[in-house]
Protein backbone atom coordinates (compact mmCIF):
# COMPACT_ATOMS: atom_id res chain seq x y z
CA UNK A 1 11.64 9.31 -8.86
CA UNK A 2 10.18 7.82 -5.52
CA UNK A 3 6.04 8.27 -5.29
CA UNK A 4 4.33 8.40 -2.41
CA UNK A 5 1.35 5.89 -2.35
CA UNK A 6 -1.33 5.16 -0.45
CA UNK A 7 -2.58 1.31 0.15
CA UNK A 8 -5.89 0.96 1.26
CA UNK A 9 -8.19 -2.30 1.84
CA UNK A 10 -11.76 -3.07 2.85
CA UNK A 11 -12.10 -6.37 5.67
CA UNK A 12 -12.24 -8.75 2.96
CA UNK A 13 -10.20 -7.51 0.81
CA UNK A 14 -7.02 -6.77 2.56
CA UNK A 15 -5.82 -11.18 2.13
CA UNK A 16 -5.79 -9.72 -1.91
CA UNK A 17 -4.25 -6.44 -1.08
CA UNK A 18 -1.27 -8.24 0.54
CA UNK A 19 -1.01 -10.91 -1.34
CA UNK A 20 -0.87 -8.64 -4.12
CA UNK A 21 2.14 -6.02 -1.78
CA UNK A 22 4.05 -9.41 -1.67
CA UNK A 23 4.36 -10.02 -5.22
CA UNK A 24 5.06 -5.99 -6.07
CA UNK A 25 7.44 -6.33 -2.68
CA UNK A 26 11.06 -5.06 -4.75
CA UNK A 27 8.88 -2.07 -6.61
CA UNK A 28 7.03 -1.07 -3.27
CA UNK A 29 10.17 -0.81 -0.96
CA UNK A 30 11.13 1.65 -3.80
CA UNK A 31 8.33 4.07 -2.57
CA UNK A 32 6.96 5.81 0.54
CA UNK A 33 4.25 3.80 1.48
CA UNK A 34 1.13 5.14 3.28
CA UNK A 35 -1.95 2.94 4.65
CA UNK A 36 -5.13 3.26 7.14
CA UNK A 37 -4.84 1.51 10.34
CA UNK A 38 -4.83 -2.31 10.27
CA UNK A 39 -3.93 -2.42 6.28
CA UNK A 40 -0.76 -0.53 7.70
CA UNK A 41 -0.02 -2.97 10.12
CA UNK A 42 -0.36 -5.92 8.31
CA UNK A 43 1.75 -4.56 4.80
CA UNK A 44 4.70 -3.86 7.21
CA UNK A 45 4.52 -7.12 9.51
CA UNK A 46 4.08 -8.73 6.00
CA UNK A 47 6.36 -6.83 4.05
CA UNK A 48 9.07 -5.76 6.69
CA UNK A 49 9.11 -2.45 4.82
CA UNK A 50 8.06 1.03 6.79
CA UNK A 51 4.57 2.12 6.41
CA UNK A 52 3.35 5.63 7.66
CA UNK A 53 0.69 4.16 9.40
CA UNK A 54 -2.99 7.08 9.52
CA UNK A 55 -5.93 6.18 11.50
CA UNK A 56 -8.86 3.32 10.71
CA UNK A 57 -10.75 4.29 7.70
CA UNK A 58 -14.09 4.46 9.24
CA UNK A 59 -12.30 6.84 12.30
CA UNK A 60 -11.03 9.30 9.84
CA UNK A 61 -8.25 7.73 8.34
CA UNK A 62 -9.87 8.02 4.73
CA UNK A 63 -10.49 11.58 5.30
CA UNK A 64 -6.73 11.71 6.06
CA UNK A 65 -5.69 10.43 2.98
CA UNK A 66 -8.47 12.82 1.28
CA UNK A 67 -6.76 15.94 3.03
CA UNK A 68 -2.90 14.54 1.95
CA UNK A 69 -4.72 14.09 -1.84
CA UNK A 70 -6.07 17.73 -1.66
CA UNK A 71 -2.15 18.64 0.00
CA UNK A 72 -0.38 17.97 -2.93
CA UNK A 73 1.11 15.04 -1.18
CA UNK A 74 -0.17 11.44 -2.87
CA UNK A 75 0.76 10.43 -6.43
CA UNK A 76 -1.02 6.86 -6.42
CA UNK A 77 -3.85 4.86 -4.24
CA UNK A 78 -4.39 1.61 -4.39
CA UNK A 79 -7.92 0.72 -2.88
CA UNK A 80 -8.78 -2.52 -2.76
CA UNK A 81 -12.53 -1.65 -1.99
CA UNK A 82 -14.98 -4.34 -1.52
CA UNK A 83 -17.92 -3.55 -3.31
CA UNK A 84 -20.46 -6.40 -2.38
CA UNK A 85 -20.37 -5.46 1.82
CA UNK A 86 -22.07 -2.35 2.58
CA UNK A 87 -19.45 -0.61 4.89
CA UNK A 88 -20.98 1.63 7.63
CA UNK A 89 -18.64 4.34 6.49
CA UNK A 90 -19.20 4.07 2.92
CA UNK A 91 -19.34 8.29 2.69
CA UNK A 92 -15.85 8.42 3.75
CA UNK A 93 -14.86 5.91 1.11
CA UNK A 94 -17.52 7.74 -1.22
CA UNK A 95 -15.77 10.75 -0.99
CA UNK A 96 -12.21 9.62 -0.92
CA UNK A 97 -12.42 8.28 -4.57
CA UNK A 98 -14.21 12.02 -5.12
CA UNK A 99 -11.28 13.60 -4.23
CA UNK A 100 -8.68 11.13 -6.25
CA UNK A 101 -10.50 12.08 -9.62
CA UNK A 102 -11.20 16.06 -8.37
CA UNK A 103 -7.19 15.94 -7.84
CA UNK A 104 -6.24 13.77 -11.31
CA UNK A 105 -4.76 11.44 -8.71
CA UNK A 106 -5.00 7.52 -10.43
CA UNK A 107 -6.83 5.27 -8.53
CA UNK A 108 -6.68 1.50 -8.79
CA UNK A 109 -9.89 -0.40 -7.15
CA UNK A 110 -8.88 -3.97 -8.09
CA UNK A 111 -6.07 -6.02 -8.69
CA UNK A 112 -5.88 -5.77 -12.34
CA UNK A 113 -5.96 -1.98 -12.27
CA UNK A 114 -3.18 -2.15 -9.42
CA UNK A 115 -1.20 -4.32 -11.70
CA UNK A 116 -1.39 -2.03 -14.54
CA UNK A 117 -0.73 0.79 -12.49
CA UNK A 118 2.44 -0.05 -10.92
CA UNK A 119 3.49 -1.85 -13.65
CA UNK A 120 3.28 1.47 -15.37
CA UNK A 121 6.97 3.73 -16.53
CA UNK A 122 5.35 6.57 -15.04
CA UNK A 123 5.65 4.77 -10.99
CA UNK A 124 9.20 4.74 -11.66
CA UNK A 125 10.06 7.72 -13.77
CA UNK A 126 8.98 11.55 -13.30
CA UNK A 127 5.77 12.38 -13.94
CA UNK A 128 4.05 15.84 -14.64
CA UNK A 129 0.59 15.31 -13.12
CA UNK A 130 -2.10 17.62 -14.74
CA UNK A 131 -3.52 19.68 -12.58
CA UNK A 132 -6.79 20.78 -12.75
CA UNK A 133 -7.53 24.37 -13.46
CA UNK A 134 -10.51 25.83 -10.65
CA UNK A 135 -9.89 29.20 -10.56
CA UNK A 136 -13.57 30.07 -12.61
CA UNK A 137 -14.89 27.80 -9.78
CA UNK A 138 -12.54 29.98 -7.26
CA UNK A 139 -13.51 32.99 -8.91
CA UNK A 140 -17.35 32.29 -8.55
CA UNK A 141 -16.98 32.55 -4.84
CA UNK A 142 -16.52 36.31 -3.85
CA UNK A 143 -17.15 36.46 0.01
CA UNK A 144 -14.18 37.21 2.24
CA UNK A 145 -14.51 33.99 3.94
CA UNK A 146 -13.18 32.13 0.57
CA UNK A 147 -9.85 34.76 0.72
CA UNK A 148 -7.87 31.48 2.26
CA UNK A 149 -9.42 29.30 0.00
CA UNK A 150 -8.48 31.18 -3.19
CA UNK A 151 -4.99 31.14 -1.83
CA UNK A 152 -4.80 27.62 -1.99
CA UNK A 153 -5.92 26.85 -5.22
CA UNK A 154 -4.42 29.65 -7.28
CA UNK A 155 -0.64 29.72 -5.43
């Protein structure tokens, strides 16, 4: 079963992600791949695989991915982030990781977790992701302004 996989890496982790993607090229070719800015360009050049390229992370790419996750369009997030370097868009990174957890999307933040995730039989098979039940949260909001949100979360 084809999955929608996001591949993202901070600048100092791009070589690690490229090496990992090269090693897993045959598996990755079987799926739809998304990436932010430069990472997408580098992956396309390195692998010869079409990548859906979004904005660079600091220019809104992390938020674009978050929106796709919230819309149910992403199955896996592989984000090689650099915990030792301060990022100017750290708030965006934290928001992306948060939204992935909110919508129960598997997240790999380093090579070891990415190896475990990509080698799982669930990557190639149908997987019914458990969607959190946010009805209680939605019901707490009572104003007319929240009706569009209620419709999205309840449908």
